[in-house]
Amino acid sequence: MRRISRSSSVLALSWGSPCSHCSIRSTSGSNGSGLLRLPVRGLGLRCLGWSGWAYGQVVHGGESFVALSEGLQNALAVSGGVPRELRTDRLSAASRNRDGSYALDITPRYHALCAHYGLSPSRNNRGVAHENGIIEAPYGHVKRRLEQKLILRGSCDFDEPAEYGELLAEVFSALNAPRQRRYEQELEHLAALPAFRFADYELLAVRVRSTSTIEVRQVGYSVPPSLIGHQVTVRLHHDRLIVYLGSDWVCQLPRAYGSGSHGPRAWCIDLEHLIDGLRAKPRALLHCRYQRHLFPDQRWWDFWQQLLTSGDRDAAARLMVEALYVAVRIASFELVLAFLEQAQHRQKLSLSGLQQRFRIPPRRSAPPDPVIPQHQLASYDHLLPGTPLSSCGSSAAAAAQTAQARSLSQPLAAARSAG
C-alpha cells in the first residue's frame, strides 16, 4: 500500500457548469412573488488528491471570491481536515492571471484565506492540460451521474435550491462510496481545522431609500419599512443578503443577479415589506418602476392588465392594492384571485364587495393633532439675572422691573497673566 503524509495531500478545485439546462425557481419573497426560473450558474468541485474523495455545491452568480470561500470551507468542514496544498486552475477569484509569478498574481483575500487554513496555494500552468487531470476526471463522472439522475427524474426544473442540493448530495455520496477506505486513510494525515471560519461574505454599507428599498450591485431589494432613512450593513453572500441595523440582525434576502450595467435593472421584491405603504397610496402602483415584481405570478399580472383596460385606472389601482393586501395579510393569493375572477365573470367586481367578502377591518382614523397652548415670551424673564421669580407676567410693572435689571452694569472678568 502506498504510504501517504500531509506533505503529499492535495485538495484540487475546479469550476464549471454541471448541467446547462437545469433551472431553479427563484422566489423573491416569502409570499411567493416574483417567480422566475434561473439557470444553475455553476458547480464548485473539491477533490482530495490521493483518495479521490470529492465534494461539490451549487454556486449562484458565477465565479466570485465569496462563492469560492464558502465552497472551500464547506468542503474542508465535510472532509474533516486540512491538506497541505490547494491546487486550482486559473480562477480569476484567486489570482489576476497576469504574465508573471503566481506569488504576485494571487489576490490578497485569497492569500488570507489560504493562510487562515495553513494551505499552500498553487495553480496549473497554462497550456499543460494533464496537470488538471486529478480534478477533470471526477468532474466528468459527476456530470454523467447528474445527467442520469435528471433523466430518471423526468425534469430539470426545481422549486427550491435545497431540492437541487439534495440531488447533488446523492450524486457525490455514490461517487465517494468506493473511495471510502482510501479517504479514511488520507484523513489521518490531514491537519486539524481552525477554531473559526474565514469570512465568506462582503460587507457593504447602504442607506434605505424612502421607497423602502436598497440597491446592491445594481439590483434593487425591498426591506422592512421601519428601516427607511437608516444606514444598514449588508453581508453579501453568493446566494443571499443578510441585513443588519448596527449589530442587530434584521432580515435575510435571496440574492438576485442583473443582466449587467447595460441591461434592465433587476429587482428582488417582497410584497410583505411594501404592502402597507402601498395601501396608504394605492395610485403609486400605476407608476411603480418594479410594478411587475409586485405580482405573485402571471395570472395576477394578466388580471391587472385587464383591470387597466377596463376603464378607470385609479379605481383599478385601489381595487388591486386592496386585493394584494388581503392576500398578504388575511387570506391567500389563490383564494383572493379566485374571488376576483368569479366576481368579474358575474360583473359584480367592486372594492366594497372585496372588503365585505373577506371582512377587512376598517382603517383606523388618524389621531387628531394635539392642541398645544402657546406660552407668553415674558415667562422667560425670570431666567435673566436680578429678576425675581414672581415677575413672570406680562404686566407693565414687570416690564419696567425687567428693564431696570437689564440696566445694571455687569462685572467684567479679571484679566489673568500668562504666567
Protein backbone atom coordinates (compact mmCIF):
# COMPACT_ATOMS: atom_id res chain seq x y z
CA MET A 1 0.00 0.00 0.00
CA ARG A 2 1.25 3.45 -0.88
CA ARG A 3 2.33 5.47 2.15
CA ILE A 4 0.95 8.99 2.41
CA SER A 5 1.70 12.01 4.59
CA ARG A 6 0.39 15.53 4.88
CA SER A 7 3.20 16.73 2.62
CA SER A 8 1.63 14.76 -0.23
CA SER A 9 -2.03 15.64 0.46
CA VAL A 10 -3.54 18.00 -2.11
CA LEU A 11 -7.03 19.48 -2.46
CA ALA A 12 -7.83 20.19 -6.09
CA LEU A 13 -10.53 22.68 -7.02
CA SER A 14 -12.44 23.17 -10.26
CA TRP A 15 -15.30 25.29 -11.51
CA GLY A 16 -17.84 24.69 -14.22
CA SER A 17 -21.45 24.29 -15.28
CA PRO A 18 -22.92 20.96 -14.13
CA CYS A 19 -25.90 20.98 -16.46
CA SER A 20 -26.66 23.90 -18.71
CA HIS A 21 -30.37 23.17 -18.96
CA CYS A 22 -31.10 22.87 -15.21
CA SER A 23 -33.03 25.69 -13.60
CA ILE A 24 -34.18 26.64 -10.11
CA ARG A 25 -37.27 28.67 -9.34
CA SER A 26 -36.24 31.89 -7.63
CA THR A 27 -38.66 33.25 -5.03
CA SER A 28 -38.30 36.98 -4.43
CA GLY A 29 -40.17 36.96 -1.14
CA SER A 30 -41.93 34.91 1.46
CA ASN A 31 -45.23 35.47 -0.30
CA GLY A 32 -44.08 33.71 -3.42
CA SER A 33 -43.96 36.79 -5.62
CA GLY A 34 -41.54 37.23 -8.49
CA LEU A 35 -41.36 33.63 -9.65
CA LEU A 36 -38.54 33.19 -12.13
CA ARG A 37 -36.67 30.11 -13.21
CA LEU A 38 -32.95 30.80 -13.18
CA PRO A 39 -30.33 28.56 -14.78
CA VAL A 40 -27.82 26.87 -12.49
CA ARG A 41 -24.76 29.08 -12.74
CA GLY A 42 -22.01 26.71 -11.70
CA LEU A 43 -20.73 23.86 -9.60
CA GLY A 44 -17.66 24.16 -7.42
CA LEU A 45 -15.88 20.80 -7.13
CA ARG A 46 -13.23 19.98 -4.49
CA CYS A 47 -11.31 16.72 -4.61
CA LEU A 48 -8.66 15.18 -2.33
CA GLY A 49 -5.74 14.11 -4.49
CA TRP A 50 -4.82 10.71 -3.04
CA SER A 51 -8.20 9.18 -2.19
CA GLY A 52 -10.27 10.91 -4.86
CA TRP A 53 -12.89 11.96 -2.29
CA ALA A 54 -14.97 14.78 -3.81
CA TYR A 55 -17.36 17.48 -2.67
CA GLY A 56 -19.43 19.93 -4.69
CA GLN A 57 -22.12 22.54 -4.26
CA VAL A 58 -24.21 24.88 -6.39
CA VAL A 59 -22.76 28.34 -6.97
CA HIS A 60 -25.01 31.31 -7.73
CA GLY A 61 -23.79 34.17 -9.87
CA GLY A 62 -20.74 32.53 -11.37
CA GLU A 63 -17.14 32.68 -10.24
CA SER A 64 -16.57 35.00 -7.27
CA PHE A 65 -14.41 35.05 -4.18
CA VAL A 66 -17.34 34.77 -1.74
CA ALA A 67 -18.56 31.64 -3.56
CA LEU A 68 -15.02 30.23 -3.60
CA SER A 69 -14.56 30.96 0.11
CA GLU A 70 -17.86 29.40 1.17
CA GLY A 71 -17.49 26.30 -1.01
CA LEU A 72 -13.88 25.68 0.01
CA GLN A 73 -14.64 25.99 3.72
CA ASN A 74 -17.70 23.75 3.40
CA ALA A 75 -15.55 21.12 1.65
CA LEU A 76 -12.89 21.26 4.36
CA ALA A 77 -15.54 21.02 7.09
CA VAL A 78 -17.16 17.98 5.47
CA SER A 79 -13.81 16.29 4.81
CA GLY A 80 -12.78 16.75 8.45
CA GLY A 81 -9.29 18.13 7.92
CA VAL A 82 -6.96 20.43 6.01
CA PRO A 83 -4.48 19.19 3.37
CA ARG A 84 -1.13 20.82 2.71
CA GLU A 85 -1.74 22.26 -0.76
CA LEU A 86 -4.70 23.82 -2.55
CA ARG A 87 -4.47 23.35 -6.30
CA THR A 88 -6.67 25.37 -8.67
CA ASP A 89 -6.91 26.16 -12.32
CA ARG A 90 -6.61 29.80 -13.37
CA LEU A 91 -9.54 31.09 -11.29
CA SER A 92 -10.00 34.85 -11.51
CA ALA A 93 -11.40 34.73 -7.96
CA ALA A 94 -7.99 33.52 -6.74
CA SER A 95 -5.45 35.24 -8.99
CA ARG A 96 -5.22 38.06 -11.52
CA ASN A 97 -3.82 35.73 -14.20
CA ARG A 98 -1.19 38.15 -15.45
CA ASP A 99 2.04 37.07 -17.03
CA GLY A 100 4.46 36.67 -14.18
CA SER A 101 4.95 34.77 -10.95
CA TYR A 102 1.98 33.26 -9.17
CA ALA A 103 3.05 34.84 -5.87
CA LEU A 104 2.49 38.28 -7.40
CA ASP A 105 -0.76 37.31 -9.14
CA ILE A 106 -2.54 35.89 -6.11
CA THR A 107 -5.20 38.21 -4.69
CA PRO A 108 -4.85 39.43 -1.08
CA ARG A 109 -8.17 37.91 0.03
CA TYR A 110 -7.35 34.51 -1.42
CA HIS A 111 -3.91 34.64 0.21
CA ALA A 112 -5.53 35.47 3.57
CA LEU A 113 -8.00 32.60 3.17
CA CYS A 114 -5.22 30.08 2.50
CA ALA A 115 -3.13 31.46 5.37
CA HIS A 116 -6.09 31.07 7.75
CA TYR A 117 -6.25 27.33 7.00
CA GLY A 118 -2.50 26.80 6.55
CA LEU A 119 -2.90 25.91 2.87
CA SER A 120 -0.17 26.38 0.31
CA PRO A 121 -1.84 27.79 -2.83
CA SER A 122 -0.80 26.72 -6.31
CA ARG A 123 -2.31 26.75 -9.80
CA ASN A 124 -1.97 24.86 -13.03
CA ASN A 125 0.32 26.11 -15.76
CA ARG A 126 -1.27 27.48 -18.87
CA GLY A 127 -1.38 25.00 -21.74
CA VAL A 128 -0.41 21.98 -19.60
CA ALA A 129 -3.67 20.06 -19.65
CA HIS A 130 -2.59 16.95 -17.75
CA GLU A 131 -1.89 18.97 -14.58
CA ASN A 132 -5.62 19.32 -14.02
CA GLY A 133 -6.45 15.68 -14.64
CA ILE A 134 -6.97 14.91 -10.96
CA ILE A 135 -9.99 17.21 -10.95
CA GLU A 136 -11.27 16.97 -14.54
CA ALA A 137 -11.80 13.21 -14.42
CA PRO A 138 -14.03 13.28 -11.29
CA TYR A 139 -15.80 16.29 -12.74
CA GLY A 140 -16.71 14.30 -15.83
CA HIS A 141 -18.03 11.47 -13.65
CA VAL A 142 -20.17 13.92 -11.67
CA LYS A 143 -21.68 15.40 -14.85
CA ARG A 144 -22.58 12.00 -16.25
CA ARG A 145 -24.11 10.80 -12.97
CA LEU A 146 -26.06 14.04 -12.63
CA GLU A 147 -27.42 13.80 -16.17
CA GLN A 148 -28.54 10.24 -15.50
CA LYS A 149 -30.30 11.35 -12.29
CA LEU A 150 -32.12 14.07 -14.20
CA ILE A 151 -33.23 11.64 -16.91
CA LEU A 152 -34.70 9.33 -14.27
CA ARG A 153 -36.30 12.29 -12.51
CA GLY A 154 -38.01 13.39 -15.70
CA SER A 155 -37.50 17.13 -15.20
CA CYS A 156 -34.66 19.61 -14.91
CA ASP A 157 -36.70 22.21 -13.02
CA PHE A 158 -36.52 22.57 -9.24
CA ASP A 159 -38.79 24.58 -6.97
CA GLU A 160 -36.15 25.21 -4.30
CA PRO A 161 -32.34 25.34 -4.31
CA ALA A 162 -32.33 22.85 -1.42
CA GLU A 163 -34.07 20.30 -3.64
CA TYR A 164 -31.29 20.54 -6.22
CA GLY A 165 -28.72 20.38 -3.43
CA GLU A 166 -30.20 17.09 -2.20
CA LEU A 167 -29.85 15.64 -5.67
CA LEU A 168 -26.19 16.70 -5.78
CA ALA A 169 -25.59 15.15 -2.37
CA GLU A 170 -26.89 11.82 -3.67
CA VAL A 171 -24.55 12.03 -6.66
CA PHE A 172 -21.47 12.74 -4.53
CA SER A 173 -22.43 10.10 -1.98
CA ALA A 174 -22.49 7.47 -4.75
CA LEU A 175 -19.23 8.82 -6.18
CA ASN A 176 -17.41 8.68 -2.81
CA ALA A 177 -18.71 5.26 -1.72
CA PRO A 178 -15.95 3.16 -3.41
CA ARG A 179 -13.31 5.64 -2.17
CA GLN A 180 -14.28 5.47 1.49
CA ARG A 181 -11.37 3.27 2.61
CA ARG A 182 -8.70 5.42 0.97
CA TYR A 183 -10.44 8.54 2.29
CA GLU A 184 -10.22 7.24 5.87
CA GLN A 185 -6.51 6.57 5.39
CA GLU A 186 -5.91 10.04 3.99
CA LEU A 187 -7.97 11.65 6.76
CA GLU A 188 -5.42 10.53 9.34
CA HIS A 189 -2.79 12.73 7.70
CA LEU A 190 -4.86 15.90 7.36
CA ALA A 191 -4.29 18.82 9.72
CA ALA A 192 -6.97 19.94 12.16
CA LEU A 193 -9.50 22.59 11.18
CA PRO A 194 -9.12 26.06 12.72
CA ALA A 195 -11.43 27.13 15.52
CA PHE A 196 -13.47 29.52 13.35
CA ARG A 197 -14.25 30.11 9.70
CA PHE A 198 -12.88 32.77 7.39
CA ALA A 199 -15.32 35.45 6.19
CA ASP A 200 -17.27 34.14 3.21
CA TYR A 201 -19.10 37.42 2.53
CA GLU A 202 -18.51 41.05 1.66
CA LEU A 203 -19.55 43.90 3.96
CA LEU A 204 -21.43 46.80 2.38
CA ALA A 205 -22.93 49.91 3.96
CA VAL A 206 -26.08 51.17 2.19
CA ARG A 207 -28.86 53.61 3.05
CA VAL A 208 -32.51 52.62 2.84
CA ARG A 209 -34.48 54.81 0.44
CA SER A 210 -37.87 56.38 1.04
CA THR A 211 -39.37 53.57 -1.08
CA SER A 212 -38.17 51.01 1.49
CA THR A 213 -35.59 49.62 -0.94
CA ILE A 214 -31.81 49.33 -1.11
CA GLU A 215 -29.54 48.92 -4.11
CA VAL A 216 -26.74 46.35 -4.04
CA ARG A 217 -24.66 45.65 -7.14
CA GLN A 218 -27.24 47.25 -9.45
CA VAL A 219 -30.08 45.17 -8.01
CA GLY A 220 -32.96 46.65 -6.01
CA TYR A 221 -34.11 44.84 -2.85
CA SER A 222 -37.08 45.61 -0.62
CA VAL A 223 -36.55 45.79 3.13
CA PRO A 224 -38.88 46.38 6.12
CA PRO A 225 -40.27 49.94 6.08
CA SER A 226 -39.02 50.58 9.62
CA LEU A 227 -35.52 50.95 8.12
CA ILE A 228 -36.39 53.90 5.86
CA GLY A 229 -33.72 56.59 6.16
CA HIS A 230 -31.31 54.42 8.16
CA GLN A 231 -27.91 53.15 7.08
CA VAL A 232 -27.71 49.37 7.25
CA THR A 233 -24.88 46.87 6.93
CA VAL A 234 -25.27 44.13 4.32
CA ARG A 235 -23.40 40.84 4.38
CA LEU A 236 -23.24 39.91 0.71
CA HIS A 237 -23.00 36.15 0.09
CA HIS A 238 -23.11 34.49 -3.32
CA ASP A 239 -26.71 33.32 -2.77
CA ARG A 240 -28.17 35.63 -0.09
CA LEU A 241 -28.00 39.01 1.64
CA ILE A 242 -28.14 39.41 5.41
CA VAL A 243 -29.16 42.88 6.59
CA TYR A 244 -28.08 44.32 9.96
CA LEU A 245 -29.02 47.56 11.68
CA GLY A 246 -25.98 48.24 13.79
CA SER A 247 -25.19 44.82 15.25
CA ASP A 248 -28.80 43.59 15.21
CA TRP A 249 -29.99 41.10 12.58
CA VAL A 250 -32.95 42.45 10.56
CA CYS A 251 -33.71 40.12 7.66
CA GLN A 252 -32.26 37.75 5.08
CA LEU A 253 -32.96 38.18 1.36
CA PRO A 254 -32.27 35.88 -1.61
CA ARG A 255 -29.62 37.38 -3.85
CA ALA A 256 -30.60 38.31 -7.38
CA TYR A 257 -28.34 38.97 -10.36
CA GLY A 258 -28.93 41.51 -13.09
CA SER A 259 -28.04 41.37 -16.76
CA GLY A 260 -25.16 43.84 -16.46
CA SER A 261 -24.78 47.61 -16.42
CA HIS A 262 -26.40 47.99 -19.86
CA GLY A 263 -29.34 45.67 -19.28
CA PRO A 264 -32.63 46.18 -17.43
CA ARG A 265 -32.42 46.62 -13.68
CA ALA A 266 -33.12 43.52 -11.62
CA TRP A 267 -35.40 43.59 -8.59
CA CYS A 268 -35.96 41.35 -5.60
CA ILE A 269 -39.24 42.49 -4.07
CA ASP A 270 -41.04 41.07 -1.06
CA LEU A 271 -44.60 42.37 -1.18
CA GLU A 272 -44.93 41.98 2.58
CA HIS A 273 -42.37 44.77 3.02
CA LEU A 274 -44.28 47.23 0.83
CA ILE A 275 -47.97 46.41 1.02
CA ASP A 276 -48.82 48.70 3.96
CA GLY A 277 -47.21 51.74 2.36
CA LEU A 278 -48.77 50.85 -0.98
CA ARG A 279 -52.21 50.59 0.61
CA ALA A 280 -51.82 54.11 2.00
CA LYS A 281 -51.07 55.41 -1.53
CA PRO A 282 -52.67 52.93 -3.98
CA ARG A 283 -52.14 55.16 -7.04
CA ALA A 284 -48.39 54.58 -6.64
CA LEU A 285 -48.97 51.16 -8.19
CA LEU A 286 -49.63 52.83 -11.55
CA HIS A 287 -46.18 54.41 -11.72
CA CYS A 288 -44.05 51.96 -9.75
CA ARG A 289 -40.80 51.01 -11.52
CA TYR A 290 -40.92 47.45 -10.15
CA GLN A 291 -44.65 47.06 -10.77
CA ARG A 292 -44.28 43.67 -12.45
CA HIS A 293 -42.41 42.26 -9.44
CA LEU A 294 -45.25 43.08 -7.04
CA PHE A 295 -47.50 40.39 -8.51
CA PRO A 296 -47.04 36.78 -7.41
CA ASP A 297 -47.46 35.09 -10.80
CA GLN A 298 -48.58 35.53 -14.40
CA ARG A 299 -52.27 35.06 -13.61
CA TRP A 300 -52.26 38.05 -11.25
CA TRP A 301 -50.38 40.14 -13.79
CA ASP A 302 -52.88 39.27 -16.57
CA PHE A 303 -55.79 40.16 -14.30
CA TRP A 304 -54.16 43.51 -13.51
CA GLN A 305 -53.78 44.25 -17.22
CA GLN A 306 -57.48 43.50 -17.74
CA LEU A 307 -58.41 45.96 -14.98
CA LEU A 308 -56.27 48.68 -16.58
CA THR A 309 -58.00 48.30 -19.94
CA SER A 310 -61.49 48.23 -18.42
CA GLY A 311 -61.74 51.96 -17.67
CA ASP A 312 -60.90 53.92 -14.52
CA ARG A 313 -57.20 53.35 -13.79
CA ASP A 314 -57.36 54.92 -10.32
CA ALA A 315 -60.23 52.64 -9.29
CA ALA A 316 -58.37 49.66 -10.73
CA ALA A 317 -55.30 50.57 -8.66
CA ARG A 318 -57.33 50.85 -5.45
CA LEU A 319 -59.01 47.51 -6.09
CA MET A 320 -55.80 45.68 -6.94
CA VAL A 321 -53.85 47.09 -3.99
CA GLU A 322 -56.65 46.09 -1.64
CA ALA A 323 -56.70 42.60 -3.17
CA LEU A 324 -52.94 42.24 -2.69
CA TYR A 325 -53.29 43.47 0.89
CA VAL A 326 -55.96 40.86 1.60
CA ALA A 327 -53.81 38.12 0.04
CA VAL A 328 -50.78 39.05 2.14
CA ARG A 329 -52.40 39.90 5.49
CA ILE A 330 -55.66 37.94 5.66
CA ALA A 331 -56.21 35.20 3.06
CA SER A 332 -54.09 33.55 0.36
CA PHE A 333 -53.23 34.53 -3.20
CA GLU A 334 -55.15 31.62 -4.72
CA LEU A 335 -58.30 32.34 -2.71
CA VAL A 336 -58.32 36.07 -3.45
CA LEU A 337 -57.64 35.61 -7.16
CA ALA A 338 -60.43 33.02 -7.44
CA PHE A 339 -62.87 35.51 -5.87
CA LEU A 340 -61.76 38.30 -8.23
CA GLU A 341 -62.17 36.13 -11.32
CA GLN A 342 -65.60 34.91 -10.24
CA ALA A 343 -66.80 38.42 -9.39
CA GLN A 344 -65.56 39.72 -12.73
CA HIS A 345 -67.33 36.88 -14.54
CA ARG A 346 -70.60 37.83 -12.77
CA GLN A 347 -69.88 41.52 -13.46
CA LYS A 348 -70.05 42.29 -9.73
CA LEU A 349 -66.44 43.16 -9.13
CA SER A 350 -66.08 46.08 -6.72
CA LEU A 351 -63.91 47.30 -3.88
CA SER A 352 -66.75 47.14 -1.38
CA GLY A 353 -67.59 43.59 -2.42
CA LEU A 354 -63.98 42.53 -1.83
CA GLN A 355 -63.93 44.14 1.61
CA GLN A 356 -67.25 42.54 2.60
CA ARG A 357 -66.22 39.10 1.36
CA PHE A 358 -63.02 38.99 3.43
CA ARG A 359 -64.31 41.13 6.32
CA ILE A 360 -61.49 43.63 6.14
CA PRO A 361 -61.39 45.69 9.34
CA PRO A 362 -61.97 49.41 8.80
CA ARG A 363 -58.94 51.59 8.64
CA ARG A 364 -58.07 53.38 11.83
CA SER A 365 -58.57 57.10 11.56
CA ALA A 366 -55.52 59.21 12.15
CA PRO A 367 -55.33 60.64 15.69
CA PRO A 368 -56.20 64.36 15.91
CA ASP A 369 -53.38 66.83 16.06
CA PRO A 370 -52.64 67.78 19.67
CA VAL A 371 -53.52 71.33 20.70
CA ILE A 372 -50.58 72.91 22.50
CA PRO A 373 -51.28 76.37 24.02
CA GLN A 374 -48.70 78.99 23.16
CA HIS A 375 -46.94 80.39 26.24
CA GLN A 376 -46.02 84.03 26.82
CA LEU A 377 -42.50 85.11 25.96
CA ALA A 378 -42.34 87.02 29.28
CA SER A 379 -42.33 83.70 31.08
CA TYR A 380 -38.59 83.53 30.31
CA ASP A 381 -37.89 86.79 32.21
CA HIS A 382 -37.15 85.03 35.46
CA LEU A 383 -34.11 83.47 33.82
CA LEU A 384 -32.47 86.87 33.49
CA PRO A 385 -30.07 87.88 36.33
CA GLY A 386 -31.56 90.09 39.03
CA THR A 387 -35.19 89.30 38.15
CA PRO A 388 -37.36 87.86 40.98
CA LEU A 389 -39.26 84.64 40.29
CA SER A 390 -42.58 86.40 40.85
CA SER A 391 -42.15 88.62 37.79
CA CYS A 392 -43.34 86.08 35.27
CA GLY A 393 -46.29 88.01 33.91
CA SER A 394 -46.61 90.44 31.07
CA SER A 395 -47.72 93.49 33.07
CA ALA A 396 -46.21 96.96 32.73
CA ALA A 397 -44.69 96.78 36.20
CA ALA A 398 -42.95 93.55 35.35
CA ALA A 399 -41.62 95.05 32.13
CA ALA A 400 -40.26 98.11 33.99
CA GLN A 401 -38.60 95.91 36.60
CA THR A 402 -37.03 93.82 33.85
CA ALA A 403 -35.71 96.92 32.09
CA GLN A 404 -34.16 98.16 35.37
CA ALA A 405 -32.47 94.80 35.91
CA ARG A 406 -31.00 94.91 32.41
CA SER A 407 -29.52 98.40 33.03
CA LEU A 408 -27.35 97.18 35.90
CA SER A 409 -23.70 97.04 34.98
CA GLN A 410 -22.26 93.54 34.93
CA PRO A 411 -18.76 92.91 36.36
CA LEU A 412 -16.09 92.12 33.81
CA ALA A 413 -13.82 89.13 34.12
CA ALA A 414 -10.47 89.98 35.62
CA ALA A 415 -7.53 89.57 33.28
CA ARG A 416 -5.08 86.79 34.09
CA SER A 417 -1.40 86.92 33.47
CA ALA A 418 0.11 84.33 31.20
CA GLY A 419 2.41 83.27 33.97
